[in-house]
Amino acid sequence: MTIYQTRVGPIETNCYVVADPDGNAAVIDPGAEGERVNRILDEHHLQLAAILLTHGHFDHIGGVKKLLAAHPQAEVVIGEKDAPMLGNKPGAMWTPYIDLNDYTDLRATRLVREGDVIQVGSLSFAVLDTPGHTRGGVCYLCEDCLFSGDTLFRFECGRTDLDGGDYPAILRSLRKLHDLPGNYRVLPGHDELSSLEEERQGNPYMKEAVR
């Protein structure tokens, strides 16, 4: 498995291009700048099979439309409770920095829940329901990697004061991640990478979750 990471959009969302040895690829959280993500796919001769969204906030979905224009065969995957968010427009404060056309007519082709698996070539992405930041947020497990979206950051967790946020729910989600067997690389939706063991030891929200 090869991972190409880039930061996109006004909130510097971490977008991940994940490829198997045969060039089959998934893109996780293309929050903006779909053309740049397409260039990564082209430069490495990758075939996009799936766009995996951890949740429906604007800074995680703004590149979907341009990716689909170049790769219409790709699935668009989101947690079933977040699917209605794909029709939402970003707040007015962000409109100077984005193209609102990127948010029109967005639809998922596959709605997922806990236990579902998305197959991309030889890669298997297992879905974990992790509500709290949004009602339908999910994380994706693939090999030794946890793509945690805005549920788990390095020594932080996602905010819960937006619509659909729920602090007790995000604590339950953090407990679920804490209790995963073994260690994983943590690839979050923003900020720096981490590991699950580092978060077990040093994340105050995860510590609160397991009290």
N, C-alpha and C. Protein backbone atom coordinates (compact mmCIF):
# COMPACT_ATOMS: atom_id res chain seq x y z
N MET A 1 0.84 -1.19 0.00
CA MET A 1 0.00 0.00 0.00
C MET A 1 0.88 1.24 0.00
N THR A 2 0.55 2.17 -0.88
CA THR A 2 1.26 3.44 -0.97
C THR A 2 0.28 4.57 -0.68
N ILE A 3 0.72 5.54 0.12
CA ILE A 3 -0.14 6.66 0.50
C ILE A 3 0.53 7.96 0.08
N TYR A 4 -0.22 8.78 -0.63
CA TYR A 4 0.22 10.13 -0.99
C TYR A 4 -0.68 11.10 -0.23
N GLN A 5 -0.06 11.96 0.57
CA GLN A 5 -0.82 12.92 1.37
C GLN A 5 -0.64 14.32 0.82
N THR A 6 -1.73 15.08 0.78
CA THR A 6 -1.66 16.48 0.41
C THR A 6 -2.65 17.25 1.26
N ARG A 7 -2.39 18.53 1.47
CA ARG A 7 -3.31 19.38 2.24
C ARG A 7 -4.03 20.31 1.27
N VAL A 8 -5.34 20.38 1.42
CA VAL A 8 -6.16 21.10 0.44
C VAL A 8 -7.12 22.04 1.15
N GLY A 9 -7.44 23.14 0.44
CA GLY A 9 -8.51 24.02 0.87
C GLY A 9 -8.12 25.00 1.96
N PRO A 10 -9.07 25.87 2.32
CA PRO A 10 -8.77 26.95 3.26
C PRO A 10 -8.53 26.48 4.68
N ILE A 11 -8.95 25.26 5.02
CA ILE A 11 -8.71 24.75 6.38
C ILE A 11 -7.63 23.66 6.36
N GLU A 12 -6.93 23.55 5.25
CA GLU A 12 -5.81 22.61 5.12
C GLU A 12 -6.21 21.19 5.55
N THR A 13 -7.22 20.69 4.88
CA THR A 13 -7.67 19.32 5.13
C THR A 13 -6.65 18.33 4.59
N ASN A 14 -6.36 17.32 5.37
CA ASN A 14 -5.50 16.23 4.90
C ASN A 14 -6.29 15.34 3.95
N CYS A 15 -5.84 15.27 2.73
CA CYS A 15 -6.42 14.39 1.71
C CYS A 15 -5.41 13.28 1.42
N TYR A 16 -5.89 12.06 1.36
CA TYR A 16 -5.01 10.91 1.16
C TYR A 16 -5.39 10.16 -0.11
N VAL A 17 -4.38 9.90 -0.94
CA VAL A 17 -4.53 9.01 -2.08
C VAL A 17 -3.87 7.69 -1.69
N VAL A 18 -4.64 6.63 -1.67
CA VAL A 18 -4.17 5.33 -1.17
C VAL A 18 -4.24 4.33 -2.33
N ALA A 19 -3.12 3.72 -2.65
CA ALA A 19 -3.05 2.86 -3.84
C ALA A 19 -2.51 1.48 -3.51
N ASP A 20 -3.02 0.49 -4.23
CA ASP A 20 -2.47 -0.86 -4.11
C ASP A 20 -1.35 -1.03 -5.14
N PRO A 21 -0.62 -2.14 -5.11
CA PRO A 21 0.52 -2.30 -6.02
C PRO A 21 0.14 -2.31 -7.50
N ASP A 22 -1.12 -2.57 -7.81
CA ASP A 22 -1.55 -2.61 -9.21
C ASP A 22 -2.10 -1.28 -9.71
N GLY A 23 -2.05 -0.25 -8.87
CA GLY A 23 -2.50 1.07 -9.31
C GLY A 23 -3.96 1.38 -9.08
N ASN A 24 -4.66 0.53 -8.34
CA ASN A 24 -6.03 0.83 -7.95
C ASN A 24 -6.00 1.76 -6.74
N ALA A 25 -6.82 2.80 -6.74
CA ALA A 25 -6.68 3.84 -5.73
C ALA A 25 -8.01 4.25 -5.13
N ALA A 26 -7.92 4.68 -3.87
CA ALA A 26 -9.00 5.39 -3.19
C ALA A 26 -8.49 6.76 -2.82
N VAL A 27 -9.37 7.75 -2.84
CA VAL A 27 -9.06 9.07 -2.32
C VAL A 27 -9.92 9.30 -1.09
N ILE A 28 -9.29 9.65 0.01
CA ILE A 28 -9.99 9.88 1.27
C ILE A 28 -10.04 11.38 1.55
N ASP A 29 -11.24 11.90 1.72
CA ASP A 29 -11.50 13.30 2.08
C ASP A 29 -10.87 14.32 1.13
N PRO A 30 -11.29 14.32 -0.13
CA PRO A 30 -10.84 15.37 -1.05
C PRO A 30 -11.60 16.66 -0.78
N GLY A 31 -11.09 17.44 0.15
CA GLY A 31 -11.84 18.58 0.65
C GLY A 31 -11.93 19.76 -0.29
N ALA A 32 -11.02 19.84 -1.24
CA ALA A 32 -10.97 20.95 -2.20
C ALA A 32 -9.90 20.61 -3.23
N GLU A 33 -9.71 21.52 -4.18
CA GLU A 33 -8.60 21.41 -5.14
C GLU A 33 -8.59 20.04 -5.83
N GLY A 34 -9.74 19.65 -6.35
CA GLY A 34 -9.83 18.37 -7.02
C GLY A 34 -8.86 18.21 -8.17
N GLU A 35 -8.54 19.33 -8.84
CA GLU A 35 -7.58 19.25 -9.96
C GLU A 35 -6.22 18.79 -9.46
N ARG A 36 -5.81 19.28 -8.29
CA ARG A 36 -4.51 18.88 -7.75
C ARG A 36 -4.51 17.40 -7.37
N VAL A 37 -5.60 16.93 -6.81
CA VAL A 37 -5.68 15.51 -6.48
C VAL A 37 -5.68 14.67 -7.75
N ASN A 38 -6.35 15.15 -8.78
CA ASN A 38 -6.31 14.45 -10.07
C ASN A 38 -4.89 14.36 -10.62
N ARG A 39 -4.12 15.41 -10.42
CA ARG A 39 -2.73 15.38 -10.91
C ARG A 39 -1.92 14.31 -10.18
N ILE A 40 -2.16 14.13 -8.90
CA ILE A 40 -1.47 13.07 -8.17
C ILE A 40 -1.83 11.71 -8.76
N LEU A 41 -3.11 11.51 -9.03
CA LEU A 41 -3.53 10.25 -9.64
C LEU A 41 -2.87 10.04 -11.00
N ASP A 42 -2.84 11.10 -11.81
CA ASP A 42 -2.25 10.99 -13.14
C ASP A 42 -0.75 10.75 -13.09
N GLU A 43 -0.06 11.49 -12.22
CA GLU A 43 1.40 11.38 -12.14
C GLU A 43 1.84 9.97 -11.76
N HIS A 44 1.03 9.29 -10.98
CA HIS A 44 1.40 7.95 -10.51
C HIS A 44 0.64 6.85 -11.24
N HIS A 45 -0.06 7.25 -12.32
CA HIS A 45 -0.76 6.29 -13.19
C HIS A 45 -1.73 5.42 -12.38
N LEU A 46 -2.56 6.10 -11.58
CA LEU A 46 -3.50 5.40 -10.71
C LEU A 46 -4.91 5.46 -11.27
N GLN A 47 -5.66 4.40 -11.04
CA GLN A 47 -7.06 4.31 -11.44
C GLN A 47 -7.93 4.51 -10.21
N LEU A 48 -8.72 5.57 -10.19
CA LEU A 48 -9.53 5.88 -9.02
C LEU A 48 -10.77 4.98 -8.98
N ALA A 49 -10.88 4.20 -7.90
CA ALA A 49 -12.02 3.30 -7.74
C ALA A 49 -13.04 3.83 -6.75
N ALA A 50 -12.59 4.58 -5.74
CA ALA A 50 -13.52 5.01 -4.69
C ALA A 50 -13.06 6.31 -4.06
N ILE A 51 -14.03 7.15 -3.73
CA ILE A 51 -13.82 8.36 -2.95
C ILE A 51 -14.46 8.11 -1.60
N LEU A 52 -13.65 8.04 -0.57
CA LEU A 52 -14.11 7.69 0.77
C LEU A 52 -14.18 8.95 1.62
N LEU A 53 -15.37 9.29 2.06
CA LEU A 53 -15.59 10.48 2.87
C LEU A 53 -15.79 10.07 4.33
N THR A 54 -15.03 10.71 5.22
CA THR A 54 -15.20 10.40 6.64
C THR A 54 -16.42 11.09 7.21
N HIS A 55 -16.83 12.21 6.62
CA HIS A 55 -18.06 12.89 7.04
C HIS A 55 -18.39 13.94 5.99
N GLY A 56 -19.50 14.67 6.21
CA GLY A 56 -20.03 15.51 5.15
C GLY A 56 -19.73 16.99 5.24
N HIS A 57 -18.82 17.43 6.09
CA HIS A 57 -18.51 18.86 6.15
C HIS A 57 -17.83 19.33 4.87
N PHE A 58 -18.04 20.61 4.56
CA PHE A 58 -17.62 21.15 3.26
C PHE A 58 -16.14 20.98 3.01
N ASP A 59 -15.32 21.03 4.06
CA ASP A 59 -13.87 20.97 3.88
C ASP A 59 -13.37 19.55 3.67
N HIS A 60 -14.29 18.60 3.55
CA HIS A 60 -13.91 17.21 3.26
C HIS A 60 -14.52 16.69 1.96
N ILE A 61 -15.34 17.51 1.31
CA ILE A 61 -16.07 17.02 0.13
C ILE A 61 -15.90 17.89 -1.11
N GLY A 62 -15.24 19.05 -0.99
CA GLY A 62 -15.23 20.02 -2.08
C GLY A 62 -14.49 19.60 -3.34
N GLY A 63 -13.67 18.55 -3.26
CA GLY A 63 -12.97 18.08 -4.45
C GLY A 63 -13.66 16.93 -5.17
N VAL A 64 -14.79 16.47 -4.62
CA VAL A 64 -15.44 15.28 -5.18
C VAL A 64 -15.86 15.50 -6.63
N LYS A 65 -16.47 16.63 -6.90
CA LYS A 65 -17.05 16.86 -8.23
C LYS A 65 -15.99 16.83 -9.32
N LYS A 66 -14.85 17.45 -9.08
CA LYS A 66 -13.78 17.46 -10.09
C LYS A 66 -13.13 16.09 -10.23
N LEU A 67 -13.06 15.34 -9.15
CA LEU A 67 -12.56 13.97 -9.26
C LEU A 67 -13.49 13.12 -10.12
N LEU A 68 -14.79 13.27 -9.91
CA LEU A 68 -15.74 12.48 -10.69
C LEU A 68 -15.75 12.89 -12.16
N ALA A 69 -15.49 14.17 -12.44
CA ALA A 69 -15.44 14.60 -13.83
C ALA A 69 -14.34 13.86 -14.59
N ALA A 70 -13.24 13.58 -13.91
CA ALA A 70 -12.13 12.87 -14.55
C ALA A 70 -12.23 11.36 -14.38
N HIS A 71 -12.95 10.91 -13.35
CA HIS A 71 -13.03 9.47 -13.04
C HIS A 71 -14.49 9.12 -12.73
N PRO A 72 -15.36 9.15 -13.72
CA PRO A 72 -16.79 8.96 -13.45
C PRO A 72 -17.15 7.58 -12.92
N GLN A 73 -16.24 6.63 -13.03
CA GLN A 73 -16.52 5.27 -12.55
C GLN A 73 -16.36 5.15 -11.04
N ALA A 74 -15.79 6.15 -10.38
CA ALA A 74 -15.47 6.03 -8.96
C ALA A 74 -16.73 6.05 -8.10
N GLU A 75 -16.75 5.18 -7.10
CA GLU A 75 -17.80 5.22 -6.09
C GLU A 75 -17.59 6.42 -5.17
N VAL A 76 -18.67 6.99 -4.67
CA VAL A 76 -18.61 8.01 -3.63
C VAL A 76 -19.24 7.41 -2.38
N VAL A 77 -18.43 7.28 -1.33
CA VAL A 77 -18.82 6.53 -0.14
C VAL A 77 -18.88 7.46 1.06
N ILE A 78 -19.97 7.36 1.84
CA ILE A 78 -20.11 8.17 3.05
C ILE A 78 -20.98 7.41 4.04
N GLY A 79 -20.81 7.70 5.32
CA GLY A 79 -21.68 7.13 6.34
C GLY A 79 -23.13 7.50 6.08
N GLU A 80 -24.04 6.55 6.28
CA GLU A 80 -25.42 6.75 5.85
C GLU A 80 -26.08 7.95 6.52
N LYS A 81 -25.74 8.25 7.76
CA LYS A 81 -26.38 9.37 8.45
C LYS A 81 -25.83 10.73 8.02
N ASP A 82 -24.71 10.73 7.32
CA ASP A 82 -24.15 12.00 6.82
C ASP A 82 -24.50 12.27 5.37
N ALA A 83 -25.15 11.33 4.70
CA ALA A 83 -25.45 11.52 3.28
C ALA A 83 -26.23 12.81 3.01
N PRO A 84 -27.20 13.22 3.85
CA PRO A 84 -27.91 14.47 3.55
C PRO A 84 -27.02 15.71 3.57
N MET A 85 -25.87 15.64 4.21
CA MET A 85 -24.98 16.80 4.28
C MET A 85 -24.36 17.12 2.93
N LEU A 86 -24.36 16.20 2.01
CA LEU A 86 -23.75 16.46 0.70
C LEU A 86 -24.48 17.54 -0.06
N GLY A 87 -25.71 17.85 0.33
CA GLY A 87 -26.44 18.93 -0.31
C GLY A 87 -26.25 20.28 0.34
N ASN A 88 -25.47 20.33 1.42
CA ASN A 88 -25.29 21.59 2.14
C ASN A 88 -24.27 22.48 1.46
N LYS A 89 -24.48 23.79 1.57
CA LYS A 89 -23.51 24.77 1.07
C LYS A 89 -22.64 25.24 2.22
N PRO A 90 -21.38 25.57 1.95
CA PRO A 90 -20.51 26.11 3.01
C PRO A 90 -21.03 27.43 3.54
N GLY A 91 -20.64 27.77 4.75
CA GLY A 91 -21.01 29.04 5.34
C GLY A 91 -20.44 30.22 4.56
N ALA A 92 -21.08 31.37 4.73
CA ALA A 92 -20.71 32.56 3.95
C ALA A 92 -19.26 32.98 4.18
N MET A 93 -18.73 32.72 5.36
CA MET A 93 -17.36 33.16 5.65
C MET A 93 -16.34 32.47 4.75
N TRP A 94 -16.71 31.30 4.18
CA TRP A 94 -15.75 30.56 3.36
C TRP A 94 -15.91 30.82 1.87
N THR A 95 -16.99 31.47 1.46
CA THR A 95 -17.25 31.61 0.02
C THR A 95 -16.17 32.38 -0.74
N PRO A 96 -15.43 33.32 -0.13
CA PRO A 96 -14.35 33.94 -0.91
C PRO A 96 -13.23 32.98 -1.29
N TYR A 97 -13.16 31.84 -0.63
CA TYR A 97 -12.02 30.94 -0.79
C TYR A 97 -12.34 29.67 -1.56
N ILE A 98 -13.60 29.49 -1.93
CA ILE A 98 -14.00 28.25 -2.58
C ILE A 98 -14.90 28.55 -3.77
N ASP A 99 -15.16 27.53 -4.57
CA ASP A 99 -16.08 27.62 -5.70
C ASP A 99 -17.36 26.89 -5.32
N LEU A 100 -18.45 27.64 -5.18
CA LEU A 100 -19.71 27.03 -4.76
C LEU A 100 -20.21 25.98 -5.75
N ASN A 101 -19.77 26.07 -7.01
CA ASN A 101 -20.16 25.05 -7.99
C ASN A 101 -19.66 23.66 -7.61
N ASP A 102 -18.61 23.62 -6.80
CA ASP A 102 -18.07 22.32 -6.37
C ASP A 102 -19.01 21.60 -5.41
N TYR A 103 -20.04 22.28 -4.95
CA TYR A 103 -20.93 21.70 -3.94
C TYR A 103 -22.34 21.46 -4.47
N THR A 104 -22.56 21.63 -5.75
CA THR A 104 -23.89 21.40 -6.32
C THR A 104 -24.00 19.97 -6.85
N ASP A 105 -25.15 19.38 -6.66
CA ASP A 105 -25.47 18.06 -7.21
C ASP A 105 -24.51 16.96 -6.74
N LEU A 106 -24.06 17.07 -5.50
CA LEU A 106 -23.22 16.00 -4.95
C LEU A 106 -24.10 14.91 -4.37
N ARG A 107 -23.77 13.67 -4.71
CA ARG A 107 -24.52 12.53 -4.19
C ARG A 107 -23.55 11.37 -3.94
N ALA A 108 -23.85 10.63 -2.91
CA ALA A 108 -23.10 9.40 -2.66
C ALA A 108 -23.68 8.26 -3.49
N THR A 109 -22.83 7.35 -3.89
CA THR A 109 -23.30 6.15 -4.58
C THR A 109 -23.33 4.94 -3.65
N ARG A 110 -22.72 5.07 -2.48
CA ARG A 110 -22.75 3.97 -1.51
C ARG A 110 -22.78 4.55 -0.10
N LEU A 111 -23.76 4.15 0.67
CA LEU A 111 -23.88 4.55 2.07
C LEU A 111 -23.43 3.38 2.94
N VAL A 112 -22.58 3.69 3.93
CA VAL A 112 -21.96 2.62 4.71
C VAL A 112 -22.26 2.79 6.18
N ARG A 113 -22.03 1.70 6.89
CA ARG A 113 -22.20 1.68 8.34
C ARG A 113 -21.17 0.73 8.93
N GLU A 114 -21.14 0.65 10.25
CA GLU A 114 -20.22 -0.22 10.97
C GLU A 114 -20.19 -1.62 10.38
N GLY A 115 -18.98 -2.12 10.13
CA GLY A 115 -18.81 -3.48 9.65
C GLY A 115 -18.73 -3.62 8.15
N ASP A 116 -19.14 -2.59 7.41
CA ASP A 116 -19.01 -2.66 5.96
C ASP A 116 -17.53 -2.61 5.56
N VAL A 117 -17.23 -3.17 4.41
CA VAL A 117 -15.87 -3.18 3.87
C VAL A 117 -15.92 -2.70 2.43
N ILE A 118 -15.06 -1.74 2.10
CA ILE A 118 -14.94 -1.26 0.73
C ILE A 118 -13.68 -1.87 0.15
N GLN A 119 -13.83 -2.56 -0.96
CA GLN A 119 -12.69 -3.21 -1.60
C GLN A 119 -12.19 -2.33 -2.74
N VAL A 120 -10.91 -1.99 -2.70
CA VAL A 120 -10.27 -1.21 -3.75
C VAL A 120 -9.06 -2.01 -4.21
N GLY A 121 -9.21 -2.74 -5.32
CA GLY A 121 -8.15 -3.65 -5.72
C GLY A 121 -7.89 -4.65 -4.61
N SER A 122 -6.64 -4.73 -4.18
CA SER A 122 -6.29 -5.66 -3.10
C SER A 122 -6.42 -5.05 -1.72
N LEU A 123 -6.86 -3.80 -1.63
CA LEU A 123 -6.99 -3.11 -0.34
C LEU A 123 -8.42 -3.23 0.18
N SER A 124 -8.53 -3.49 1.48
CA SER A 124 -9.83 -3.56 2.14
C SER A 124 -9.92 -2.44 3.18
N PHE A 125 -10.94 -1.61 3.05
CA PHE A 125 -11.18 -0.52 3.99
C PHE A 125 -12.39 -0.89 4.85
N ALA A 126 -12.14 -1.16 6.13
CA ALA A 126 -13.22 -1.50 7.06
C ALA A 126 -13.79 -0.23 7.66
N VAL A 127 -15.11 -0.17 7.75
CA VAL A 127 -15.81 1.02 8.22
C VAL A 127 -16.08 0.90 9.72
N LEU A 128 -15.75 1.96 10.45
CA LEU A 128 -16.10 2.10 11.85
C LEU A 128 -17.04 3.29 12.00
N ASP A 129 -18.20 3.09 12.59
CA ASP A 129 -19.07 4.22 12.91
C ASP A 129 -18.46 5.01 14.06
N THR A 130 -18.21 6.30 13.84
CA THR A 130 -17.61 7.15 14.88
C THR A 130 -18.33 8.49 14.92
N PRO A 131 -19.60 8.51 15.33
CA PRO A 131 -20.32 9.77 15.43
C PRO A 131 -19.78 10.64 16.56
N GLY A 132 -20.18 11.89 16.54
CA GLY A 132 -19.77 12.85 17.56
C GLY A 132 -19.42 14.18 16.95
N HIS A 133 -18.50 14.19 15.99
CA HIS A 133 -18.22 15.42 15.23
C HIS A 133 -19.39 15.71 14.31
N THR A 134 -19.93 14.68 13.68
CA THR A 134 -21.19 14.72 12.94
C THR A 134 -21.99 13.48 13.31
N ARG A 135 -23.24 13.44 12.88
CA ARG A 135 -24.10 12.29 13.23
C ARG A 135 -23.61 11.00 12.58
N GLY A 136 -23.06 11.12 11.38
CA GLY A 136 -22.72 9.92 10.62
C GLY A 136 -21.26 9.79 10.28
N GLY A 137 -20.40 10.36 11.11
CA GLY A 137 -18.97 10.25 10.84
C GLY A 137 -18.49 8.82 10.91
N VAL A 138 -17.53 8.49 10.06
CA VAL A 138 -16.92 7.17 10.06
C VAL A 138 -15.41 7.30 10.00
N CYS A 139 -14.73 6.25 10.43
CA CYS A 139 -13.30 6.08 10.20
C CYS A 139 -13.12 4.86 9.30
N TYR A 140 -11.96 4.81 8.65
CA TYR A 140 -11.65 3.69 7.77
C TYR A 140 -10.35 3.03 8.23
N LEU A 141 -10.38 1.72 8.40
CA LEU A 141 -9.19 0.94 8.74
C LEU A 141 -8.71 0.20 7.50
N CYS A 142 -7.43 0.35 7.19
CA CYS A 142 -6.83 -0.37 6.08
C CYS A 142 -5.41 -0.77 6.46
N GLU A 143 -5.18 -2.06 6.53
CA GLU A 143 -3.89 -2.59 6.96
C GLU A 143 -3.52 -1.98 8.31
N ASP A 144 -2.38 -1.28 8.41
CA ASP A 144 -1.98 -0.73 9.70
C ASP A 144 -2.35 0.74 9.85
N CYS A 145 -3.30 1.22 9.06
CA CYS A 145 -3.64 2.64 9.04
C CYS A 145 -5.08 2.87 9.49
N LEU A 146 -5.26 3.89 10.32
CA LEU A 146 -6.57 4.36 10.73
C LEU A 146 -6.76 5.77 10.16
N PHE A 147 -7.67 5.89 9.21
CA PHE A 147 -8.01 7.19 8.64
C PHE A 147 -9.15 7.75 9.48
N SER A 148 -8.82 8.71 10.35
CA SER A 148 -9.71 9.06 11.45
C SER A 148 -10.55 10.30 11.21
N GLY A 149 -10.43 10.92 10.03
CA GLY A 149 -11.25 12.09 9.75
C GLY A 149 -11.13 13.14 10.83
N ASP A 150 -12.27 13.69 11.26
CA ASP A 150 -12.26 14.69 12.32
C ASP A 150 -12.73 14.11 13.65
N THR A 151 -12.66 12.79 13.78
CA THR A 151 -12.95 12.17 15.08
C THR A 151 -11.74 12.26 15.99
N LEU A 152 -10.58 11.91 15.48
CA LEU A 152 -9.36 11.85 16.29
C LEU A 152 -8.25 12.61 15.59
N PHE A 153 -7.70 13.60 16.30
CA PHE A 153 -6.52 14.32 15.86
C PHE A 153 -5.36 13.98 16.80
N ARG A 154 -4.19 14.49 16.47
CA ARG A 154 -3.04 14.30 17.35
C ARG A 154 -3.30 15.04 18.67
N PHE A 155 -3.51 14.28 19.72
CA PHE A 155 -3.76 14.78 21.08
C PHE A 155 -4.98 15.70 21.16
N GLU A 156 -5.92 15.53 20.23
CA GLU A 156 -7.15 16.32 20.20
C GLU A 156 -8.28 15.43 19.69
N CYS A 157 -9.47 16.00 19.66
CA CYS A 157 -10.58 15.36 18.96
C CYS A 157 -11.36 16.43 18.22
N GLY A 158 -12.28 16.01 17.37
CA GLY A 158 -13.05 16.95 16.58
C GLY A 158 -14.00 17.76 17.44
N ARG A 159 -14.31 18.96 16.98
CA ARG A 159 -15.23 19.82 17.72
C ARG A 159 -16.64 19.23 17.65
N THR A 160 -17.42 19.55 18.67
CA THR A 160 -18.78 19.01 18.74
C THR A 160 -19.83 20.11 18.90
N ASP A 161 -19.45 21.36 18.60
CA ASP A 161 -20.38 22.48 18.78
C ASP A 161 -21.07 22.87 17.47
N LEU A 162 -20.87 22.11 16.41
CA LEU A 162 -21.57 22.36 15.15
C LEU A 162 -22.81 21.47 15.07
N ASP A 163 -23.65 21.74 14.07
CA ASP A 163 -24.86 20.94 13.91
C ASP A 163 -24.51 19.46 13.77
N GLY A 164 -25.16 18.63 14.54
CA GLY A 164 -24.87 17.20 14.52
C GLY A 164 -23.79 16.78 15.48
N GLY A 165 -23.13 17.76 16.13
CA GLY A 165 -22.10 17.42 17.09
C GLY A 165 -22.68 16.90 18.39
N ASP A 166 -21.94 16.04 19.06
CA ASP A 166 -22.44 15.40 20.28
C ASP A 166 -21.21 14.94 21.08
N TYR A 167 -20.92 15.67 22.17
CA TYR A 167 -19.70 15.36 22.92
C TYR A 167 -19.72 13.96 23.54
N PRO A 168 -20.80 13.55 24.21
CA PRO A 168 -20.80 12.16 24.72
C PRO A 168 -20.61 11.13 23.61
N ALA A 169 -21.16 11.42 22.42
CA ALA A 169 -21.00 10.47 21.31
C ALA A 169 -19.55 10.39 20.85
N ILE A 170 -18.86 11.54 20.80
CA ILE A 170 -17.47 11.47 20.34
C ILE A 170 -16.60 10.77 21.38
N LEU A 171 -16.94 10.90 22.66
CA LEU A 171 -16.20 10.14 23.66
C LEU A 171 -16.40 8.65 23.47
N ARG A 172 -17.61 8.24 23.14
CA ARG A 172 -17.84 6.81 22.87
C ARG A 172 -17.06 6.35 21.65
N SER A 173 -16.97 7.23 20.65
CA SER A 173 -16.19 6.88 19.46
C SER A 173 -14.71 6.78 19.79
N LEU A 174 -14.22 7.68 20.62
CA LEU A 174 -12.81 7.61 21.02
C LEU A 174 -12.54 6.35 21.83
N ARG A 175 -13.50 5.94 22.64
CA ARG A 175 -13.34 4.69 23.39
C ARG A 175 -13.25 3.51 22.42
N LYS A 176 -14.08 3.54 21.39
CA LYS A 176 -14.03 2.47 20.39
C LYS A 176 -12.64 2.40 19.73
N LEU A 177 -12.09 3.56 19.38
CA LEU A 177 -10.77 3.58 18.76
C LEU A 177 -9.70 3.13 19.76
N HIS A 178 -9.80 3.60 20.98
CA HIS A 178 -8.85 3.19 22.02
C HIS A 178 -8.80 1.67 22.16
N ASP A 179 -9.96 1.04 22.05
CA ASP A 179 -10.06 -0.40 22.31
C ASP A 179 -9.73 -1.27 21.10
N LEU A 180 -9.38 -0.67 19.99
CA LEU A 180 -8.94 -1.48 18.85
C LEU A 180 -7.69 -2.27 19.24
N PRO A 181 -7.59 -3.51 18.84
CA PRO A 181 -6.41 -4.30 19.21
C PRO A 181 -5.17 -3.82 18.48
N GLY A 182 -4.07 -3.76 19.20
CA GLY A 182 -2.80 -3.42 18.57
C GLY A 182 -2.64 -1.93 18.33
N ASN A 183 -1.69 -1.61 17.47
CA ASN A 183 -1.36 -0.22 17.17
C ASN A 183 -1.68 0.07 15.71
N TYR A 184 -1.97 1.32 15.42
CA TYR A 184 -2.23 1.77 14.05
C TYR A 184 -1.57 3.12 13.85
N ARG A 185 -1.18 3.38 12.63
CA ARG A 185 -0.85 4.75 12.25
C ARG A 185 -2.16 5.52 12.19
N VAL A 186 -2.18 6.72 12.73
CA VAL A 186 -3.38 7.56 12.70
C VAL A 186 -3.17 8.66 11.67
N LEU A 187 -4.03 8.66 10.65
CA LEU A 187 -3.97 9.65 9.58
C LEU A 187 -5.25 10.49 9.68
N PRO A 188 -5.17 11.65 10.34
CA PRO A 188 -6.38 12.42 10.64
C PRO A 188 -6.77 13.37 9.52
N GLY A 189 -7.92 14.00 9.71
CA GLY A 189 -8.42 14.95 8.72
C GLY A 189 -7.71 16.28 8.71
N HIS A 190 -7.01 16.59 9.78
CA HIS A 190 -6.27 17.85 9.88
C HIS A 190 -5.04 17.62 10.75
N ASP A 191 -4.07 18.49 10.60
CA ASP A 191 -2.90 18.52 11.47
C ASP A 191 -1.99 17.31 11.22
N GLU A 192 -1.20 16.97 12.23
CA GLU A 192 -0.11 16.02 12.04
C GLU A 192 -0.56 14.58 12.24
N LEU A 193 0.23 13.67 11.66
CA LEU A 193 -0.03 12.25 11.84
C LEU A 193 0.37 11.81 13.24
N SER A 194 -0.13 10.66 13.64
CA SER A 194 0.15 10.16 14.98
C SER A 194 0.11 8.64 14.93
N SER A 195 0.04 8.03 16.09
CA SER A 195 -0.20 6.59 16.19
C SER A 195 -1.25 6.37 17.27
N LEU A 196 -1.93 5.26 17.19
CA LEU A 196 -2.97 5.00 18.17
C LEU A 196 -2.37 4.85 19.56
N GLU A 197 -1.20 4.26 19.66
CA GLU A 197 -0.59 4.11 20.98
C GLU A 197 -0.20 5.46 21.56
N GLU A 198 0.31 6.37 20.74
CA GLU A 198 0.58 7.73 21.22
C GLU A 198 -0.69 8.38 21.76
N GLU A 199 -1.79 8.18 21.06
CA GLU A 199 -3.05 8.78 21.49
C GLU A 199 -3.57 8.13 22.77
N ARG A 200 -3.41 6.84 22.90
CA ARG A 200 -3.82 6.18 24.15
C ARG A 200 -3.05 6.76 25.33
N GLN A 201 -1.79 7.07 25.11
CA GLN A 201 -0.95 7.55 26.20
C GLN A 201 -1.10 9.05 26.46
N GLY A 202 -1.35 9.84 25.39
CA GLY A 202 -1.23 11.28 25.55
C GLY A 202 -2.42 12.13 25.19
N ASN A 203 -3.50 11.53 24.67
CA ASN A 203 -4.65 12.33 24.25
C ASN A 203 -5.61 12.50 25.42
N PRO A 204 -5.80 13.72 25.93
CA PRO A 204 -6.66 13.89 27.11
C PRO A 204 -8.11 13.50 26.88
N TYR A 205 -8.59 13.65 25.64
CA TYR A 205 -9.98 13.29 25.35
C TYR A 205 -10.15 11.77 25.31
N MET A 206 -9.15 11.09 24.79
CA MET A 206 -9.21 9.64 24.80
C MET A 206 -9.10 9.11 26.23
N LYS A 207 -8.28 9.76 27.05
CA LYS A 207 -8.19 9.35 28.45
C LYS A 207 -9.51 9.56 29.16
N GLU A 208 -10.18 10.69 28.88
CA GLU A 208 -11.50 10.92 29.46
C GLU A 208 -12.48 9.84 29.02
N ALA A 209 -12.35 9.42 27.77
CA ALA A 209 -13.30 8.45 27.21
C ALA A 209 -13.21 7.09 27.89
N VAL A 210 -12.05 6.76 28.44
CA VAL A 210 -11.88 5.41 29.00
C VAL A 210 -11.91 5.41 30.53
N ARG A 211 -12.25 6.53 31.12
CA ARG A 211 -12.33 6.57 32.59
C ARG A 211 -13.45 5.67 33.09
